[in-house]
Amino acid sequence: MEDRFVNPETAPDYLRQVLNKQTPYTYLMDIAPLTAGEHRVEAISASDEQRHLLQLEEHEPCLLIHRRTWSGSRVVTSARLIYPGSRYQLFGRFTSHG
């Protein structure tokens, strides 16, 4: 599930887009190229509505990802993404230089 705010100052025509012809990502990258982003991840219990829409078992946990993106100094999007915890994996890798 996704709940997304798109900054109307950065993307004033966003709501007029036909998003089955072009993805939101493609449109936003064309008008406000991504220069930075952040993710914050937390475990949550789903609401009754979320559990129904995501076809979850009663006590199945979810991951809530808060995501913000910037183009230059302007926030372009702020989103809340909810995923069934049993169907999602997080992975990271780092390299030490030195």
PDB file of N, CA and C in Angstrom:
ATOM      1  N   MET A   1       0.845  -1.165   0.000  1.00  0.00           N
ATOM      2  CA  MET A   1       0.000   0.000   0.000  1.00  0.00           C
ATOM      3  C   MET A   1       0.891   1.228   0.000  1.00  0.00           C
ATOM      4  N   GLU A   2       0.436   2.240  -0.647  1.00  0.00           N
ATOM      5  CA  GLU A   2       1.241   3.463  -0.722  1.00  0.00           C
ATOM      6  C   GLU A   2       0.365   4.691  -0.515  1.00  0.00           C
ATOM      7  N   ASP A   3       0.868   5.587   0.300  1.00  0.00           N
ATOM      8  CA  ASP A   3       0.245   6.887   0.518  1.00  0.00           C
ATOM      9  C   ASP A   3       1.336   7.907   0.212  1.00  0.00           C
ATOM     10  N   ARG A   4       1.190   8.636  -0.891  1.00  0.00           N
ATOM     11  CA  ARG A   4       2.276   9.497  -1.366  1.00  0.00           C
ATOM     12  C   ARG A   4       1.824  10.948  -1.493  1.00  0.00           C
ATOM     13  N   PHE A   5       2.666  11.855  -0.994  1.00  0.00           N
ATOM     14  CA  PHE A   5       2.488  13.287  -1.204  1.00  0.00           C
ATOM     15  C   PHE A   5       3.506  13.712  -2.248  1.00  0.00           C
ATOM     16  N   VAL A   6       3.052  14.397  -3.273  1.00  0.00           N
ATOM     17  CA  VAL A   6       3.948  14.959  -4.288  1.00  0.00           C
ATOM     18  C   VAL A   6       3.857  16.471  -4.165  1.00  0.00           C
ATOM     19  N   ASN A   7       4.993  17.113  -3.988  1.00  0.00           N
ATOM     20  CA  ASN A   7       5.058  18.555  -3.783  1.00  0.00           C
ATOM     21  C   ASN A   7       4.529  19.287  -5.022  1.00  0.00           C
ATOM     22  N   PRO A   8       3.422  20.015  -4.899  1.00  0.00           N
ATOM     23  CA  PRO A   8       2.862  20.705  -6.064  1.00  0.00           C
ATOM     24  C   PRO A   8       3.737  21.840  -6.583  1.00  0.00           C
ATOM     25  N   GLU A   9       4.641  22.352  -5.763  1.00  0.00           N
ATOM     26  CA  GLU A   9       5.559  23.383  -6.257  1.00  0.00           C
ATOM     27  C   GLU A   9       6.618  22.776  -7.166  1.00  0.00           C
ATOM     28  N   THR A  10       6.953  21.528  -6.931  1.00  0.00           N
ATOM     29  CA  THR A  10       7.956  20.843  -7.744  1.00  0.00           C
ATOM     30  C   THR A  10       7.322  20.166  -8.954  1.00  0.00           C
ATOM     31  N   ALA A  11       6.123  19.632  -8.776  1.00  0.00           N
ATOM     32  CA  ALA A  11       5.437  18.904  -9.849  1.00  0.00           C
ATOM     33  C   ALA A  11       3.990  19.399  -9.964  1.00  0.00           C
ATOM     34  N   PRO A  12       3.796  20.629 -10.457  1.00  0.00           N
ATOM     35  CA  PRO A  12       2.448  21.217 -10.475  1.00  0.00           C
ATOM     36  C   PRO A  12       1.442  20.466 -11.346  1.00  0.00           C
ATOM     37  N   ASP A  13       1.898  19.727 -12.348  1.00  0.00           N
ATOM     38  CA  ASP A  13       0.984  19.008 -13.238  1.00  0.00           C
ATOM     39  C   ASP A  13       0.861  17.525 -12.901  1.00  0.00           C
ATOM     40  N   TYR A  14       1.346  17.116 -11.757  1.00  0.00           N
ATOM     41  CA  TYR A  14       1.363  15.695 -11.396  1.00  0.00           C
ATOM     42  C   TYR A  14      -0.030  15.057 -11.476  1.00  0.00           C
ATOM     43  N   LEU A  15      -1.037  15.716 -10.949  1.00  0.00           N
ATOM     44  CA  LEU A  15      -2.381  15.124 -10.925  1.00  0.00           C
ATOM     45  C   LEU A  15      -3.021  15.037 -12.308  1.00  0.00           C
ATOM     46  N   ARG A  16      -2.444  15.698 -13.290  1.00  0.00           N
ATOM     47  CA  ARG A  16      -2.972  15.640 -14.657  1.00  0.00           C
ATOM     48  C   ARG A  16      -2.319  14.525 -15.486  1.00  0.00           C
ATOM     49  N   GLN A  17      -1.362  13.829 -14.915  1.00  0.00           N
ATOM     50  CA  GLN A  17      -0.635  12.807 -15.657  1.00  0.00           C
ATOM     51  C   GLN A  17      -1.484  11.554 -15.844  1.00  0.00           C
ATOM     52  N   VAL A  18      -1.306  10.911 -16.994  1.00  0.00           N
ATOM     53  CA  VAL A  18      -1.937   9.621 -17.266  1.00  0.00           C
ATOM     54  C   VAL A  18      -0.895   8.576 -16.879  1.00  0.00           C
ATOM     55  N   LEU A  19      -1.045   8.041 -15.675  1.00  0.00           N
ATOM     56  CA  LEU A  19       0.027   7.222 -15.105  1.00  0.00           C
ATOM     57  C   LEU A  19       0.025   5.780 -15.593  1.00  0.00           C
ATOM     58  N   ASN A  20      -0.887   5.408 -16.483  1.00  0.00           N
ATOM     59  CA  ASN A  20      -0.777   4.086 -17.094  1.00  0.00           C
ATOM     60  C   ASN A  20       0.045   4.158 -18.384  1.00  0.00           C
ATOM     61  N   LYS A  21       0.423   5.371 -18.789  1.00  0.00           N
ATOM     62  CA  LYS A  21       1.298   5.551 -19.948  1.00  0.00           C
ATOM     63  C   LYS A  21       2.736   5.833 -19.531  1.00  0.00           C
ATOM     64  N   GLN A  22       2.914   6.344 -18.340  1.00  0.00           N
ATOM     65  CA  GLN A  22       4.234   6.694 -17.813  1.00  0.00           C
ATOM     66  C   GLN A  22       4.176   6.522 -16.299  1.00  0.00           C
ATOM     67  N   THR A  23       5.188   5.902 -15.733  1.00  0.00           N
ATOM     68  CA  THR A  23       5.169   5.691 -14.285  1.00  0.00           C
ATOM     69  C   THR A  23       5.377   7.014 -13.557  1.00  0.00           C
ATOM     70  N   PRO A  24       4.906   7.118 -12.319  1.00  0.00           N
ATOM     71  CA  PRO A  24       5.171   8.324 -11.536  1.00  0.00           C
ATOM     72  C   PRO A  24       6.671   8.609 -11.441  1.00  0.00           C
ATOM     73  N   TYR A  25       7.470   7.561 -11.269  1.00  0.00           N
ATOM     74  CA  TYR A  25       8.922   7.735 -11.157  1.00  0.00           C
ATOM     75  C   TYR A  25       9.490   8.393 -12.414  1.00  0.00           C
ATOM     76  N   THR A  26       9.113   7.889 -13.581  1.00  0.00           N
ATOM     77  CA  THR A  26       9.627   8.436 -14.844  1.00  0.00           C
ATOM     78  C   THR A  26       9.234   9.900 -14.999  1.00  0.00           C
ATOM     79  N   TYR A  27       7.979  10.204 -14.727  1.00  0.00           N
ATOM     80  CA  TYR A  27       7.519  11.590 -14.832  1.00  0.00           C
ATOM     81  C   TYR A  27       8.303  12.498 -13.890  1.00  0.00           C
ATOM     82  N   LEU A  28       8.416  12.092 -12.631  1.00  0.00           N
ATOM     83  CA  LEU A  28       9.110  12.937 -11.652  1.00  0.00           C
ATOM     84  C   LEU A  28      10.592  13.088 -11.984  1.00  0.00           C
ATOM     85  N   MET A  29      11.226  12.036 -12.481  1.00  0.00           N
ATOM     86  CA  MET A  29      12.643  12.144 -12.857  1.00  0.00           C
ATOM     87  C   MET A  29      12.830  13.085 -14.045  1.00  0.00           C
ATOM     88  N   ASP A  30      11.853  13.150 -14.922  1.00  0.00           N
ATOM     89  CA  ASP A  30      11.939  14.064 -16.063  1.00  0.00           C
ATOM     90  C   ASP A  30      11.859  15.526 -15.626  1.00  0.00           C
ATOM     91  N   ILE A  31      11.005  15.832 -14.647  1.00  0.00           N
ATOM     92  CA  ILE A  31      10.810  17.235 -14.280  1.00  0.00           C
ATOM     93  C   ILE A  31      11.614  17.678 -13.064  1.00  0.00           C
ATOM     94  N   ALA A  32      12.000  16.732 -12.212  1.00  0.00           N
ATOM     95  CA  ALA A  32      12.735  17.068 -10.981  1.00  0.00           C
ATOM     96  C   ALA A  32      13.662  15.904 -10.639  1.00  0.00           C
ATOM     97  N   PRO A  33      14.794  15.787 -11.342  1.00  0.00           N
ATOM     98  CA  PRO A  33      15.686  14.639 -11.138  1.00  0.00           C
ATOM     99  C   PRO A  33      16.064  14.447  -9.666  1.00  0.00           C
ATOM    100  N   LEU A  34      15.962  13.212  -9.236  1.00  0.00           N
ATOM    101  CA  LEU A  34      16.277  12.837  -7.864  1.00  0.00           C
ATOM    102  C   LEU A  34      17.746  13.105  -7.548  1.00  0.00           C
ATOM    103  N   THR A  35      17.992  13.833  -6.458  1.00  0.00           N
ATOM    104  CA  THR A  35      19.373  14.077  -6.027  1.00  0.00           C
ATOM    105  C   THR A  35      19.658  13.490  -4.655  1.00  0.00           C
ATOM    106  N   ALA A  36      18.608  13.177  -3.884  1.00  0.00           N
ATOM    107  CA  ALA A  36      18.798  12.581  -2.558  1.00  0.00           C
ATOM    108  C   ALA A  36      17.515  11.878  -2.149  1.00  0.00           C
ATOM    109  N   GLY A  37      17.672  10.936  -1.237  1.00  0.00           N
ATOM    110  CA  GLY A  37      16.512  10.221  -0.723  1.00  0.00           C
ATOM    111  C   GLY A  37      16.824   9.618   0.626  1.00  0.00           C
ATOM    112  N   GLU A  38      15.781   9.308   1.360  1.00  0.00           N
ATOM    113  CA  GLU A  38      15.968   8.645   2.651  1.00  0.00           C
ATOM    114  C   GLU A  38      14.840   7.654   2.868  1.00  0.00           C
ATOM    115  N   HIS A  39      15.164   6.588   3.595  1.00  0.00           N
ATOM    116  CA  HIS A  39      14.188   5.593   4.011  1.00  0.00           C
ATOM    117  C   HIS A  39      14.291   5.406   5.514  1.00  0.00           C
ATOM    118  N   ARG A  40      13.153   5.298   6.157  1.00  0.00           N
ATOM    119  CA  ARG A  40      13.096   4.901   7.568  1.00  0.00           C
ATOM    120  C   ARG A  40      12.133   3.727   7.624  1.00  0.00           C
ATOM    121  N   VAL A  41      12.574   2.618   8.235  1.00  0.00           N
ATOM    122  CA  VAL A  41      11.799   1.381   8.239  1.00  0.00           C
ATOM    123  C   VAL A  41      11.398   1.034   9.663  1.00  0.00           C
ATOM    124  N   GLU A  42      10.136   0.629   9.839  1.00  0.00           N
ATOM    125  CA  GLU A  42       9.691   0.172  11.153  1.00  0.00           C
ATOM    126  C   GLU A  42       8.692  -0.967  10.988  1.00  0.00           C
ATOM    127  N   ALA A  43       8.616  -1.819  12.009  1.00  0.00           N
ATOM    128  CA  ALA A  43       7.633  -2.899  12.038  1.00  0.00           C
ATOM    129  C   ALA A  43       6.346  -2.356  12.650  1.00  0.00           C
ATOM    130  N   ILE A  44       5.210  -2.723  12.052  1.00  0.00           N
ATOM    131  CA  ILE A  44       3.911  -2.268  12.569  1.00  0.00           C
ATOM    132  C   ILE A  44       2.910  -3.418  12.541  1.00  0.00           C
ATOM    133  N   SER A  45       1.838  -3.259  13.282  1.00  0.00           N
ATOM    134  CA  SER A  45       0.672  -4.135  13.170  1.00  0.00           C
ATOM    135  C   SER A  45      -0.285  -3.477  12.184  1.00  0.00           C
ATOM    136  N   ALA A  46      -0.835  -4.275  11.300  1.00  0.00           N
ATOM    137  CA  ALA A  46      -1.746  -3.734  10.288  1.00  0.00           C
ATOM    138  C   ALA A  46      -3.105  -3.413  10.900  1.00  0.00           C
ATOM    139  N   SER A  47      -3.728  -2.372  10.375  1.00  0.00           N
ATOM    140  CA  SER A  47      -5.116  -2.071  10.749  1.00  0.00           C
ATOM    141  C   SER A  47      -6.020  -3.116  10.089  1.00  0.00           C
ATOM    142  N   ASP A  48      -7.276  -3.151  10.480  1.00  0.00           N
ATOM    143  CA  ASP A  48      -8.225  -4.084   9.862  1.00  0.00           C
ATOM    144  C   ASP A  48      -8.320  -3.844   8.354  1.00  0.00           C
ATOM    145  N   GLU A  49      -8.385  -2.583   7.954  1.00  0.00           N
ATOM    146  CA  GLU A  49      -8.478  -2.263   6.519  1.00  0.00           C
ATOM    147  C   GLU A  49      -7.216  -2.688   5.770  1.00  0.00           C
ATOM    148  N   GLN A  50      -6.051  -2.401   6.332  1.00  0.00           N
ATOM    149  CA  GLN A  50      -4.795  -2.795   5.692  1.00  0.00           C
ATOM    150  C   GLN A  50      -4.702  -4.315   5.589  1.00  0.00           C
ATOM    151  N   ARG A  51      -5.079  -5.014   6.652  1.00  0.00           N
ATOM    152  CA  ARG A  51      -5.033  -6.476   6.663  1.00  0.00           C
ATOM    153  C   ARG A  51      -5.940  -7.030   5.553  1.00  0.00           C
ATOM    154  N   HIS A  52      -7.117  -6.446   5.393  1.00  0.00           N
ATOM    155  CA  HIS A  52      -8.032  -6.893   4.340  1.00  0.00           C
ATOM    156  C   HIS A  52      -7.437  -6.633   2.949  1.00  0.00           C
ATOM    157  N   LEU A  53      -6.969  -5.421   2.709  1.00  0.00           N
ATOM    158  CA  LEU A  53      -6.443  -5.062   1.385  1.00  0.00           C
ATOM    159  C   LEU A  53      -5.185  -5.847   1.018  1.00  0.00           C
ATOM    160  N   LEU A  54      -4.357  -6.143   2.015  1.00  0.00           N
ATOM    161  CA  LEU A  54      -3.105  -6.870   1.762  1.00  0.00           C
ATOM    162  C   LEU A  54      -3.263  -8.382   1.916  1.00  0.00           C
ATOM    163  N   GLN A  55      -4.473  -8.834   2.240  1.00  0.00           N
ATOM    164  CA  GLN A  55      -4.779 -10.257   2.407  1.00  0.00           C
ATOM    165  C   GLN A  55      -3.852 -10.905   3.433  1.00  0.00           C
ATOM    166  N   LEU A  56      -3.818 -10.315   4.628  1.00  0.00           N
ATOM    167  CA  LEU A  56      -2.940 -10.780   5.697  1.00  0.00           C
ATOM    168  C   LEU A  56      -3.694 -11.628   6.706  1.00  0.00           C
ATOM    169  N   GLU A  57      -2.951 -12.493   7.366  1.00  0.00           N
ATOM    170  CA  GLU A  57      -3.486 -13.208   8.519  1.00  0.00           C
ATOM    171  C   GLU A  57      -3.639 -12.214   9.666  1.00  0.00           C
ATOM    172  N   GLU A  58      -4.393 -12.572  10.698  1.00  0.00           N
ATOM    173  CA  GLU A  58      -4.746 -11.626  11.750  1.00  0.00           C
ATOM    174  C   GLU A  58      -3.553 -10.972  12.438  1.00  0.00           C
ATOM    175  N   HIS A  59      -2.518 -11.717  12.758  1.00  0.00           N
ATOM    176  CA  HIS A  59      -1.394 -11.138  13.506  1.00  0.00           C
ATOM    177  C   HIS A  59      -0.119 -11.022  12.662  1.00  0.00           C
ATOM    178  N   GLU A  60      -0.257 -11.043  11.352  1.00  0.00           N
ATOM    179  CA  GLU A  60       0.917 -10.941  10.478  1.00  0.00           C
ATOM    180  C   GLU A  60       1.461  -9.512  10.517  1.00  0.00           C
ATOM    181  N   PRO A  61       2.751  -9.344  10.813  1.00  0.00           N
ATOM    182  CA  PRO A  61       3.329  -8.001  10.908  1.00  0.00           C
ATOM    183  C   PRO A  61       3.561  -7.380   9.529  1.00  0.00           C
ATOM    184  N   CYS A  62       3.701  -6.079   9.532  1.00  0.00           N
ATOM    185  CA  CYS A  62       3.994  -5.336   8.301  1.00  0.00           C
ATOM    186  C   CYS A  62       5.247  -4.495   8.496  1.00  0.00           C
ATOM    187  N   LEU A  63       5.836  -4.135   7.384  1.00  0.00           N
ATOM    188  CA  LEU A  63       6.913  -3.155   7.382  1.00  0.00           C
ATOM    189  C   LEU A  63       6.342  -1.849   6.857  1.00  0.00           C
ATOM    190  N   LEU A  64       6.608  -0.784   7.581  1.00  0.00           N
ATOM    191  CA  LEU A  64       6.228   0.557   7.151  1.00  0.00           C
ATOM    192  C   LEU A  64       7.508   1.276   6.762  1.00  0.00           C
ATOM    193  N   ILE A  65       7.569   1.722   5.528  1.00  0.00           N
ATOM    194  CA  ILE A  65       8.733   2.463   5.044  1.00  0.00           C
ATOM    195  C   ILE A  65       8.297   3.900   4.802  1.00  0.00           C
ATOM    196  N   HIS A  66       8.952   4.809   5.490  1.00  0.00           N
ATOM    197  CA  HIS A  66       8.757   6.241   5.265  1.00  0.00           C
ATOM    198  C   HIS A  66       9.850   6.651   4.276  1.00  0.00           C
ATOM    199  N   ARG A  67       9.468   7.213   3.147  1.00  0.00           N
ATOM    200  CA  ARG A  67      10.460   7.591   2.136  1.00  0.00           C
ATOM    201  C   ARG A  67      10.264   9.050   1.749  1.00  0.00           C
ATOM    202  N   ARG A  68      11.376   9.783   1.674  1.00  0.00           N
ATOM    203  CA  ARG A  68      11.359  11.157   1.154  1.00  0.00           C
ATOM    204  C   ARG A  68      12.416  11.252   0.068  1.00  0.00           C
ATOM    205  N   THR A  69      12.100  12.042  -0.957  1.00  0.00           N
ATOM    206  CA  THR A  69      13.061  12.279  -2.031  1.00  0.00           C
ATOM    207  C   THR A  69      13.182  13.774  -2.281  1.00  0.00           C
ATOM    208  N   TRP A  70      14.363  14.164  -2.714  1.00  0.00           N
ATOM    209  CA  TRP A  70      14.660  15.563  -2.997  1.00  0.00           C
ATOM    210  C   TRP A  70      15.200  15.715  -4.405  1.00  0.00           C
ATOM    211  N   SER A  71      14.956  16.898  -4.958  1.00  0.00           N
ATOM    212  CA  SER A  71      15.626  17.359  -6.165  1.00  0.00           C
ATOM    213  C   SER A  71      16.252  18.685  -5.766  1.00  0.00           C
ATOM    214  N   GLY A  72      17.563  18.695  -5.654  1.00  0.00           N
ATOM    215  CA  GLY A  72      18.229  19.878  -5.112  1.00  0.00           C
ATOM    216  C   GLY A  72      17.814  20.058  -3.669  1.00  0.00           C
ATOM    217  N   SER A  73      17.368  21.246  -3.306  1.00  0.00           N
ATOM    218  CA  SER A  73      16.973  21.522  -1.921  1.00  0.00           C
ATOM    219  C   SER A  73      15.476  21.316  -1.671  1.00  0.00           C
ATOM    220  N   ARG A  74      14.730  20.920  -2.695  1.00  0.00           N
ATOM    221  CA  ARG A  74      13.276  20.768  -2.556  1.00  0.00           C
ATOM    222  C   ARG A  74      12.863  19.318  -2.347  1.00  0.00           C
ATOM    223  N   VAL A  75      11.986  19.096  -1.367  1.00  0.00           N
ATOM    224  CA  VAL A  75      11.375  17.777  -1.216  1.00  0.00           C
ATOM    225  C   VAL A  75      10.421  17.583  -2.392  1.00  0.00           C
ATOM    226  N   VAL A  76      10.571  16.462  -3.089  1.00  0.00           N
ATOM    227  CA  VAL A  76       9.697  16.154  -4.220  1.00  0.00           C
ATOM    228  C   VAL A  76       8.543  15.267  -3.762  1.00  0.00           C
ATOM    229  N   THR A  77       8.868  14.204  -3.019  1.00  0.00           N
ATOM    230  CA  THR A  77       7.837  13.288  -2.542  1.00  0.00           C
ATOM    231  C   THR A  77       8.088  12.894  -1.097  1.00  0.00           C
ATOM    232  N   SER A  78       7.000  12.556  -0.446  1.00  0.00           N
ATOM    233  CA  SER A  78       7.033  11.961   0.885  1.00  0.00           C
ATOM    234  C   SER A  78       6.008  10.838   0.846  1.00  0.00           C
ATOM    235  N   ALA A  79       6.434   9.632   1.188  1.00  0.00           N
ATOM    236  CA  ALA A  79       5.538   8.484   1.041  1.00  0.00           C
ATOM    237  C   ALA A  79       5.575   7.579   2.262  1.00  0.00           C
ATOM    238  N   ARG A  80       4.431   6.937   2.516  1.00  0.00           N
ATOM    239  CA  ARG A  80       4.309   5.862   3.504  1.00  0.00           C
ATOM    240  C   ARG A  80       3.982   4.606   2.710  1.00  0.00           C
ATOM    241  N   LEU A  81       4.854   3.619   2.777  1.00  0.00           N
ATOM    242  CA  LEU A  81       4.685   2.375   2.038  1.00  0.00           C
ATOM    243  C   LEU A  81       4.520   1.246   3.045  1.00  0.00           C
ATOM    244  N   ILE A  82       3.472   0.458   2.912  1.00  0.00           N
ATOM    245  CA  ILE A  82       3.222  -0.641   3.840  1.00  0.00           C
ATOM    246  C   ILE A  82       3.302  -1.953   3.067  1.00  0.00           C
ATOM    247  N   TYR A  83       4.159  -2.848   3.562  1.00  0.00           N
ATOM    248  CA  TYR A  83       4.383  -4.148   2.942  1.00  0.00           C
ATOM    249  C   TYR A  83       4.112  -5.255   3.955  1.00  0.00           C
ATOM    250  N   PRO A  84       3.550  -6.387   3.515  1.00  0.00           N
ATOM    251  CA  PRO A  84       3.443  -7.535   4.408  1.00  0.00           C
ATOM    252  C   PRO A  84       4.854  -7.979   4.821  1.00  0.00           C
ATOM    253  N   GLY A  85       5.087  -8.102   6.101  1.00  0.00           N
ATOM    254  CA  GLY A  85       6.419  -8.452   6.590  1.00  0.00           C
ATOM    255  C   GLY A  85       6.920  -9.786   6.078  1.00  0.00           C
ATOM    256  N   SER A  86       6.019 -10.734   5.850  1.00  0.00           N
ATOM    257  CA  SER A  86       6.422 -12.067   5.398  1.00  0.00           C
ATOM    258  C   SER A  86       6.785 -12.099   3.917  1.00  0.00           C
ATOM    259  N   ARG A  87       6.542 -11.021   3.199  1.00  0.00           N
ATOM    260  CA  ARG A  87       6.805 -10.991   1.754  1.00  0.00           C
ATOM    261  C   ARG A  87       7.845  -9.941   1.374  1.00  0.00           C
ATOM    262  N   TYR A  88       8.652  -9.543   2.321  1.00  0.00           N
ATOM    263  CA  TYR A  88       9.604  -8.465   2.068  1.00  0.00           C
ATOM    264  C   TYR A  88      10.918  -8.765   2.760  1.00  0.00           C
ATOM    265  N   GLN A  89      12.009  -8.421   2.124  1.00  0.00           N
ATOM    266  CA  GLN A  89      13.330  -8.585   2.719  1.00  0.00           C
ATOM    267  C   GLN A  89      14.091  -7.279   2.609  1.00  0.00           C
ATOM    268  N   LEU A  90      14.911  -7.004   3.597  1.00  0.00           N
ATOM    269  CA  LEU A  90      15.823  -5.867   3.547  1.00  0.00           C
ATOM    270  C   LEU A  90      17.229  -6.415   3.391  1.00  0.00           C
ATOM    271  N   PHE A  91      18.029  -5.751   2.598  1.00  0.00           N
ATOM    272  CA  PHE A  91      19.407  -6.178   2.376  1.00  0.00           C
ATOM    273  C   PHE A  91      20.283  -4.945   2.302  1.00  0.00           C
ATOM    274  N   GLY A  92      21.441  -5.026   2.867  1.00  0.00           N
ATOM    275  CA  GLY A  92      22.406  -3.934   2.776  1.00  0.00           C
ATOM    276  C   GLY A  92      23.808  -4.494   2.652  1.00  0.00           C
ATOM    277  N   ARG A  93      24.683  -3.714   2.093  1.00  0.00           N
ATOM    278  CA  ARG A  93      26.079  -4.117   1.943  1.00  0.00           C
ATOM    279  C   ARG A  93      26.928  -2.886   2.152  1.00  0.00           C
ATOM    280  N   PHE A  94      28.057  -3.052   2.780  1.00  0.00           N
ATOM    281  CA  PHE A  94      28.985  -1.940   2.917  1.00  0.00           C
ATOM    282  C   PHE A  94      30.386  -2.432   2.640  1.00  0.00           C
ATOM    283  N   THR A  95      31.231  -1.508   2.260  1.00  0.00           N
ATOM    284  CA  THR A  95      32.628  -1.788   1.980  1.00  0.00           C
ATOM    285  C   THR A  95      33.470  -0.803   2.755  1.00  0.00           C
ATOM    286  N   SER A  96      34.503  -1.315   3.375  1.00  0.00           N
ATOM    287  CA  SER A  96      35.426  -0.460   4.108  1.00  0.00           C
ATOM    288  C   SER A  96      36.576  -0.085   3.181  1.00  0.00           C
ATOM    289  N   HIS A  97      36.840   1.189   3.092  1.00  0.00           N
ATOM    290  CA  HIS A  97      37.966   1.668   2.281  1.00  0.00           C
ATOM    291  C   HIS A  97      39.016   2.210   3.233  1.00  0.00           C
ATOM    292  N   GLY A  98      40.120   1.544   3.311  1.00  0.00           N
ATOM    293  CA  GLY A  98      41.133   2.089   4.191  1.00  0.00           C
ATOM    294  C   GLY A  98      41.984   1.081   4.717  1.00  0.00           C
TER     295      GLY A  98
END
